[in-house]
Amino acid sequence: MSRKFVVQTGEPVLRQKCSEVKNFNSGLWTLLDDMKETVRAESGAGLAAPQIGVSLRAVVIDVEEGYYELINPVILSKKGEQTGAEGCLSVKGKQGTVTRPYKVKCEYRDRHGKKHKLTAEGFFARAVCHETDHLDGVLYTDIADEIYDIPADEA
């Protein structure tokens, strides 16, 4: 495993629709391991492959509910609504107020290609939506009601 550089806004890879993962092999496993190390080193809640320059449909989420690897995730349903502060490892020094579903159901594959379903609520649902958006080239800043600077001592 190795920590990777997190690309910042302005990098074209963050605006691309990512390719579906077709090969569930050691290359994918290394990518996922590197993403895990990177998200933890950055103290993030999640990380999508394009954030480290790889245009593949893979995300990792590390929240109170646990650590998840979602390959080729598809959100099947959304319920409710929540509005709150949101940030991004690729948008340093900023936060925004974003409205997301309170509950989502999602289908994905694990690192071995096995299909799973997941139901997420609250902050976990916010993380699933945020990271899934990255796979389609969408940043939270595109959908935020407002965006503001984080004071340097809080960033």
Protein backbone atom coordinates (compact mmCIF):
# COMPACT_ATOMS: atom_id res chain seq x y z
CA MET A 1 0.00 0.00 0.00
CA SER A 2 1.06 3.54 -0.62
CA ARG A 3 -0.43 6.92 0.01
CA LYS A 4 -1.32 8.72 -3.21
CA PHE A 5 -1.48 12.41 -4.11
CA VAL A 6 -5.07 13.73 -4.05
CA VAL A 7 -5.72 15.80 -7.19
CA GLN A 8 -7.41 19.17 -6.76
CA THR A 9 -10.15 21.04 -8.60
CA GLY A 10 -9.09 22.03 -12.07
CA GLU A 11 -7.67 18.59 -12.90
CA PRO A 12 -9.61 17.17 -15.90
CA VAL A 13 -9.87 13.66 -14.36
CA LEU A 14 -12.26 15.07 -11.72
CA ARG A 15 -14.74 16.02 -14.47
CA GLN A 16 -14.71 12.75 -16.42
CA LYS A 17 -17.34 10.03 -16.33
CA CYS A 18 -15.32 7.07 -15.06
CA SER A 19 -15.05 3.70 -16.79
CA GLU A 20 -16.65 0.60 -15.32
CA VAL A 21 -14.27 -1.79 -13.58
CA LYS A 22 -14.10 -5.02 -15.57
CA ASN A 23 -10.98 -6.67 -14.15
CA PHE A 24 -11.20 -7.77 -10.54
CA ASN A 25 -7.53 -8.59 -10.14
CA SER A 26 -4.40 -7.62 -8.25
CA GLY A 27 -4.25 -4.26 -10.04
CA LEU A 28 -7.67 -3.35 -8.62
CA TRP A 29 -6.72 -4.67 -5.19
CA THR A 30 -3.60 -2.49 -5.14
CA LEU A 31 -5.69 0.54 -6.17
CA LEU A 32 -8.17 -0.12 -3.36
CA ASP A 33 -5.40 -0.62 -0.81
CA ASP A 34 -3.77 2.64 -1.89
CA MET A 35 -7.12 4.44 -1.68
CA LYS A 36 -7.67 3.11 1.85
CA GLU A 37 -4.25 4.31 2.99
CA THR A 38 -4.80 7.70 1.33
CA VAL A 39 -8.28 8.37 2.77
CA ARG A 40 -7.07 7.46 6.26
CA ALA A 41 -3.90 9.56 5.96
CA GLU A 42 -6.03 12.52 4.83
CA SER A 43 -8.62 11.92 7.61
CA GLY A 44 -11.39 11.75 5.02
CA ALA A 45 -14.74 9.98 5.04
CA GLY A 46 -14.35 8.71 1.50
CA LEU A 47 -12.29 8.78 -1.65
CA ALA A 48 -13.10 8.06 -5.29
CA ALA A 49 -10.53 6.71 -7.75
CA PRO A 50 -10.55 9.87 -9.91
CA GLN A 51 -9.37 11.81 -6.85
CA ILE A 52 -6.04 10.01 -7.17
CA GLY A 53 -6.02 10.35 -10.97
CA VAL A 54 -7.61 7.00 -11.90
CA SER A 55 -10.76 7.19 -14.03
CA LEU A 56 -12.42 3.99 -12.75
CA ARG A 57 -15.73 3.46 -10.93
CA ALA A 58 -14.28 2.62 -7.53
CA VAL A 59 -14.76 4.33 -4.16
CA VAL A 60 -13.80 3.70 -0.58
CA ILE A 61 -15.82 4.97 2.37
CA ASP A 62 -14.53 5.03 5.94
CA VAL A 63 -17.24 6.16 8.36
CA GLU A 64 -18.61 5.18 11.76
CA GLU A 65 -20.50 2.28 10.14
CA GLY A 66 -17.20 0.82 8.93
CA TYR A 67 -14.89 0.69 5.96
CA TYR A 68 -16.45 -0.07 2.56
CA GLU A 69 -15.11 -0.63 -0.94
CA LEU A 70 -17.74 -0.01 -3.62
CA ILE A 71 -16.88 -1.05 -7.16
CA ASN A 72 -19.25 0.02 -9.97
CA PRO A 73 -21.77 1.38 -7.44
CA VAL A 74 -25.31 2.21 -8.56
CA ILE A 75 -27.77 4.04 -6.33
CA LEU A 76 -31.08 2.18 -6.63
CA SER A 77 -33.28 4.41 -4.47
CA LYS A 78 -33.22 7.60 -2.41
CA LYS A 79 -35.51 8.63 0.46
CA GLY A 80 -35.83 11.67 2.65
CA GLU A 81 -33.62 14.70 2.77
CA GLN A 82 -30.77 16.11 4.84
CA THR A 83 -28.94 19.39 4.51
CA GLY A 84 -25.53 19.99 6.00
CA ALA A 85 -21.91 20.96 5.65
CA GLU A 86 -19.85 19.01 3.17
CA GLY A 87 -16.21 19.14 2.19
CA CYS A 88 -13.94 17.25 -0.18
CA LEU A 89 -10.31 16.16 -0.20
CA SER A 90 -10.09 17.56 -3.76
CA VAL A 91 -11.46 20.97 -2.76
CA LYS A 92 -9.04 22.06 -0.02
CA GLY A 93 -9.96 24.98 2.21
CA LYS A 94 -13.66 25.06 1.32
CA GLN A 95 -16.95 23.66 2.56
CA GLY A 96 -20.47 23.96 1.29
CA THR A 97 -24.06 23.48 2.35
CA VAL A 98 -25.45 20.53 0.40
CA THR A 99 -28.83 18.78 0.39
CA ARG A 100 -28.65 15.01 -0.05
CA PRO A 101 -31.03 12.09 0.49
CA TYR A 102 -31.27 10.87 4.09
CA LYS A 103 -31.36 7.21 3.00
CA VAL A 104 -30.01 5.44 -0.07
CA LYS A 105 -29.97 1.88 -1.32
CA CYS A 106 -27.07 0.96 -3.53
CA GLU A 107 -25.80 -2.04 -5.45
CA TYR A 108 -22.07 -2.59 -5.95
CA ARG A 109 -19.38 -5.21 -6.40
CA ASP A 110 -16.61 -6.01 -3.96
CA ARG A 111 -12.91 -6.35 -4.86
CA HIS A 112 -13.55 -9.94 -6.03
CA GLY A 113 -16.48 -9.02 -8.30
CA LYS A 114 -19.22 -10.35 -6.02
CA LYS A 115 -22.44 -8.32 -6.10
CA HIS A 116 -23.80 -6.75 -2.88
CA LYS A 117 -26.56 -4.38 -1.78
CA LEU A 118 -26.22 -1.73 0.88
CA THR A 119 -28.60 0.59 2.72
CA ALA A 120 -27.05 3.75 4.15
CA GLU A 121 -28.60 6.49 6.27
CA GLY A 122 -27.51 9.88 7.56
CA PHE A 123 -23.84 10.76 7.13
CA PHE A 124 -23.13 7.34 5.58
CA ALA A 125 -25.74 8.06 2.86
CA ARG A 126 -24.17 11.50 2.33
CA ALA A 127 -20.76 9.85 1.81
CA VAL A 128 -22.16 7.27 -0.64
CA CYS A 129 -23.81 10.03 -2.71
CA HIS A 130 -20.75 12.31 -2.59
CA GLU A 131 -18.33 9.59 -3.71
CA THR A 132 -20.71 8.21 -6.36
CA ASP A 133 -21.04 11.74 -7.79
CA HIS A 134 -17.26 11.81 -8.28
CA LEU A 135 -17.58 8.83 -10.64
CA ASP A 136 -19.73 10.96 -12.94
CA GLY A 137 -17.49 14.04 -12.79
CA VAL A 138 -19.69 15.91 -10.29
CA LEU A 139 -18.23 17.80 -7.33
CA TYR A 140 -20.23 18.90 -4.29
CA THR A 141 -19.48 22.49 -5.33
CA ASP A 142 -21.73 21.92 -8.37
CA ILE A 143 -24.79 21.28 -6.19
CA ALA A 144 -24.03 23.28 -3.02
CA ASP A 145 -26.47 25.98 -1.88
CA GLU A 146 -23.47 27.99 -0.71
CA ILE A 147 -19.70 27.55 -0.59
CA TYR A 148 -17.47 29.15 2.00
CA ASP A 149 -13.83 29.20 3.06
CA ILE A 150 -12.71 27.17 6.06
CA PRO A 151 -10.53 29.18 8.46
CA ALA A 152 -6.90 28.01 8.22
CA ASP A 153 -6.87 26.77 11.82
CA GLU A 154 -9.83 24.45 11.07
CA ALA A 155 -8.70 23.12 7.67
